[in-house]
N, C-alpha and C. Protein backbone atom coordinates (compact mmCIF):
# COMPACT_ATOMS: atom_id res chain seq x y z
N MET A 1 0.82 -1.20 0.00
CA MET A 1 0.00 0.00 0.00
C MET A 1 0.86 1.26 0.00
N MET A 2 1.86 1.30 0.88
CA MET A 2 2.71 2.49 0.96
C MET A 2 3.48 2.69 -0.35
N GLU A 3 3.86 1.60 -1.00
CA GLU A 3 4.57 1.70 -2.27
C GLU A 3 3.73 2.43 -3.32
N ALA A 4 2.45 2.13 -3.36
CA ALA A 4 1.55 2.78 -4.31
C ALA A 4 1.39 4.27 -3.97
N ILE A 5 1.37 4.59 -2.70
CA ILE A 5 1.25 5.99 -2.28
C ILE A 5 2.51 6.76 -2.68
N ILE A 6 3.68 6.16 -2.47
CA ILE A 6 4.94 6.80 -2.84
C ILE A 6 4.99 7.02 -4.36
N GLU A 7 4.55 6.02 -5.12
CA GLU A 7 4.53 6.15 -6.58
C GLU A 7 3.60 7.28 -7.01
N GLN A 8 2.46 7.40 -6.35
CA GLN A 8 1.53 8.49 -6.68
C GLN A 8 2.14 9.84 -6.33
N CYS A 9 2.88 9.92 -5.23
CA CYS A 9 3.54 11.17 -4.85
C CYS A 9 4.58 11.55 -5.90
N LEU A 10 5.31 10.56 -6.41
CA LEU A 10 6.28 10.80 -7.47
C LEU A 10 5.58 11.35 -8.71
N ASN A 11 4.48 10.72 -9.09
CA ASN A 11 3.71 11.17 -10.26
C ASN A 11 3.15 12.57 -10.06
N ASP A 12 2.70 12.86 -8.84
CA ASP A 12 2.20 14.20 -8.54
C ASP A 12 3.30 15.24 -8.73
N GLY A 13 4.51 14.91 -8.28
CA GLY A 13 5.64 15.82 -8.44
C GLY A 13 6.00 16.03 -9.91
N ILE A 14 5.92 14.96 -10.70
CA ILE A 14 6.18 15.06 -12.14
C ILE A 14 5.17 16.01 -12.78
N CYS A 15 3.91 15.83 -12.45
CA CYS A 15 2.86 16.70 -13.01
C CYS A 15 3.09 18.16 -12.60
N ALA A 16 3.46 18.37 -11.36
CA ALA A 16 3.71 19.74 -10.89
C ALA A 16 4.91 20.35 -11.60
N GLY A 17 5.95 19.55 -11.82
CA GLY A 17 7.12 20.04 -12.53
C GLY A 17 6.80 20.42 -13.96
N GLN A 18 6.00 19.61 -14.62
CA GLN A 18 5.60 19.92 -16.00
C GLN A 18 4.74 21.18 -16.04
N ALA A 19 3.85 21.32 -15.08
CA ALA A 19 2.99 22.50 -15.03
C ALA A 19 3.79 23.77 -14.76
N ALA A 20 4.90 23.65 -14.04
CA ALA A 20 5.72 24.82 -13.72
C ALA A 20 6.25 25.50 -14.97
N PHE A 21 6.44 24.73 -16.04
CA PHE A 21 6.98 25.31 -17.27
C PHE A 21 5.93 26.05 -18.09
N VAL A 22 4.68 25.75 -17.89
CA VAL A 22 3.64 26.42 -18.69
C VAL A 22 2.99 27.58 -17.95
N ARG A 23 3.29 27.71 -16.68
CA ARG A 23 2.77 28.84 -15.91
C ARG A 23 3.74 30.00 -16.01
N ASP A 24 3.28 31.16 -15.62
CA ASP A 24 4.07 32.38 -15.78
C ASP A 24 4.99 32.69 -14.61
N GLY A 25 4.84 31.99 -13.49
CA GLY A 25 5.64 32.28 -12.31
C GLY A 25 7.06 31.75 -12.42
N GLY A 26 7.91 32.17 -11.52
CA GLY A 26 9.26 31.64 -11.47
C GLY A 26 9.26 30.24 -10.89
N LEU A 27 10.32 29.49 -11.14
CA LEU A 27 10.37 28.11 -10.69
C LEU A 27 10.30 27.99 -9.17
N HIS A 28 10.97 28.91 -8.46
CA HIS A 28 10.94 28.83 -7.00
C HIS A 28 9.52 28.98 -6.47
N SER A 29 8.80 29.97 -6.97
CA SER A 29 7.43 30.17 -6.49
C SER A 29 6.53 29.03 -6.92
N GLU A 30 6.75 28.48 -8.13
CA GLU A 30 5.96 27.34 -8.58
C GLU A 30 6.20 26.13 -7.68
N LEU A 31 7.45 25.89 -7.34
CA LEU A 31 7.79 24.77 -6.46
C LEU A 31 7.09 24.94 -5.12
N LYS A 32 7.23 26.12 -4.53
CA LYS A 32 6.65 26.38 -3.21
C LYS A 32 5.12 26.24 -3.23
N GLU A 33 4.49 26.90 -4.19
CA GLU A 33 3.02 26.87 -4.25
C GLU A 33 2.49 25.47 -4.57
N SER A 34 3.14 24.80 -5.51
CA SER A 34 2.69 23.45 -5.87
C SER A 34 2.83 22.49 -4.70
N MET A 35 3.95 22.58 -3.99
CA MET A 35 4.17 21.68 -2.85
C MET A 35 3.17 21.98 -1.74
N GLU A 36 2.92 23.25 -1.47
CA GLU A 36 1.95 23.60 -0.43
C GLU A 36 0.56 23.10 -0.78
N ASP A 37 0.15 23.27 -2.03
CA ASP A 37 -1.16 22.78 -2.46
C ASP A 37 -1.25 21.27 -2.34
N TRP A 38 -0.21 20.59 -2.77
CA TRP A 38 -0.17 19.13 -2.71
C TRP A 38 -0.23 18.65 -1.25
N ALA A 39 0.62 19.20 -0.40
CA ALA A 39 0.70 18.76 1.00
C ALA A 39 -0.58 19.07 1.77
N ALA A 40 -1.29 20.11 1.37
CA ALA A 40 -2.53 20.49 2.07
C ALA A 40 -3.61 19.42 1.95
N GLY A 41 -3.47 18.55 0.97
CA GLY A 41 -4.47 17.50 0.76
C GLY A 41 -4.31 16.30 1.68
N PHE A 42 -3.32 16.32 2.56
CA PHE A 42 -3.07 15.18 3.44
C PHE A 42 -3.43 15.49 4.88
N SER A 43 -4.01 14.52 5.53
CA SER A 43 -4.26 14.60 6.96
C SER A 43 -4.13 13.19 7.52
N PRO A 44 -3.10 12.91 8.27
CA PRO A 44 -2.00 13.76 8.75
C PRO A 44 -1.09 14.19 7.60
N PRO A 45 -0.16 15.10 7.89
CA PRO A 45 0.75 15.59 6.85
C PRO A 45 1.52 14.45 6.18
N PRO A 46 2.00 14.67 4.95
CA PRO A 46 2.75 13.62 4.25
C PRO A 46 4.04 13.28 5.00
N THR A 47 4.45 12.03 4.86
CA THR A 47 5.70 11.58 5.49
C THR A 47 6.90 12.14 4.73
N ASP A 48 8.07 12.01 5.33
CA ASP A 48 9.30 12.45 4.66
C ASP A 48 9.49 11.73 3.33
N GLU A 49 9.16 10.43 3.31
CA GLU A 49 9.31 9.64 2.09
C GLU A 49 8.37 10.15 0.99
N MET A 50 7.18 10.54 1.37
CA MET A 50 6.21 11.06 0.41
C MET A 50 6.70 12.40 -0.16
N VAL A 51 7.20 13.26 0.70
CA VAL A 51 7.72 14.56 0.26
C VAL A 51 8.94 14.35 -0.65
N ALA A 52 9.82 13.43 -0.26
CA ALA A 52 11.00 13.15 -1.08
C ALA A 52 10.60 12.66 -2.46
N ALA A 53 9.62 11.78 -2.53
CA ALA A 53 9.16 11.28 -3.83
C ALA A 53 8.61 12.42 -4.68
N TRP A 54 7.83 13.30 -4.08
CA TRP A 54 7.27 14.45 -4.81
C TRP A 54 8.41 15.32 -5.35
N LEU A 55 9.39 15.61 -4.50
CA LEU A 55 10.51 16.45 -4.91
C LEU A 55 11.34 15.80 -6.02
N ILE A 56 11.52 14.49 -5.95
CA ILE A 56 12.25 13.77 -7.00
C ILE A 56 11.50 13.90 -8.32
N GLY A 57 10.19 13.75 -8.28
CA GLY A 57 9.40 13.90 -9.50
C GLY A 57 9.52 15.29 -10.08
N PHE A 58 9.34 16.30 -9.23
CA PHE A 58 9.42 17.71 -9.68
C PHE A 58 10.80 18.01 -10.24
N SER A 59 11.84 17.67 -9.48
CA SER A 59 13.20 18.02 -9.92
C SER A 59 13.64 17.19 -11.11
N GLY A 60 13.10 15.98 -11.26
CA GLY A 60 13.44 15.16 -12.42
C GLY A 60 12.99 15.81 -13.72
N VAL A 61 11.82 16.41 -13.70
CA VAL A 61 11.32 17.13 -14.88
C VAL A 61 12.25 18.30 -15.20
N LEU A 62 12.65 19.04 -14.19
CA LEU A 62 13.55 20.18 -14.41
C LEU A 62 14.89 19.70 -14.97
N SER A 63 15.39 18.62 -14.42
CA SER A 63 16.67 18.07 -14.87
C SER A 63 16.61 17.68 -16.34
N GLN A 64 15.56 16.99 -16.74
CA GLN A 64 15.43 16.58 -18.14
C GLN A 64 15.32 17.80 -19.05
N HIS A 65 14.58 18.79 -18.61
CA HIS A 65 14.39 20.01 -19.42
C HIS A 65 15.73 20.71 -19.66
N TYR A 66 16.47 20.95 -18.59
CA TYR A 66 17.71 21.69 -18.72
C TYR A 66 18.82 20.85 -19.35
N GLU A 67 18.75 19.55 -19.19
CA GLU A 67 19.69 18.66 -19.88
C GLU A 67 19.48 18.75 -21.39
N ALA A 68 18.23 18.79 -21.82
CA ALA A 68 17.92 18.92 -23.25
C ALA A 68 18.40 20.26 -23.79
N ILE A 69 18.24 21.31 -23.01
CA ILE A 69 18.71 22.63 -23.43
C ILE A 69 20.24 22.63 -23.58
N ALA A 70 20.92 22.02 -22.60
CA ALA A 70 22.38 21.96 -22.66
C ALA A 70 22.84 21.15 -23.88
N ALA A 71 22.18 20.04 -24.15
CA ALA A 71 22.54 19.21 -25.30
C ALA A 71 22.31 19.97 -26.61
N ALA A 72 21.21 20.70 -26.68
CA ALA A 72 20.92 21.48 -27.89
C ALA A 72 21.96 22.58 -28.08
N GLY A 73 22.41 23.16 -26.99
CA GLY A 73 23.44 24.19 -27.06
C GLY A 73 24.76 23.65 -27.57
N LYS A 74 25.10 22.43 -27.18
CA LYS A 74 26.36 21.81 -27.62
C LYS A 74 26.33 21.47 -29.11
N THR A 75 25.16 21.18 -29.63
CA THR A 75 25.05 20.83 -31.05
C THR A 75 24.80 22.06 -31.92
N GLY A 76 24.63 23.21 -31.29
CA GLY A 76 24.37 24.43 -32.04
C GLY A 76 22.92 24.60 -32.44
N ALA A 77 22.04 23.76 -31.87
CA ALA A 77 20.62 23.85 -32.21
C ALA A 77 19.95 25.08 -31.61
N ILE A 78 20.58 25.65 -30.58
CA ILE A 78 20.03 26.89 -30.00
C ILE A 78 21.09 27.96 -29.99
């Protein structure tokens, strides 16, 4: 059961990371607001493992995005 919850937290973080790129706010404010909204849905509050999974999902999207930009820059595509 906990494994499925952790996986859902990871997926929630991925969705929040993807949404951060289409919104107009800065990444820091998107991270803060998205995490607060997500965590507010839990009672009791999410565990450390749940928060870590969410952050891994969110930061993984950012990592892939900026890795692609760096690769494009090396090939002269940008």
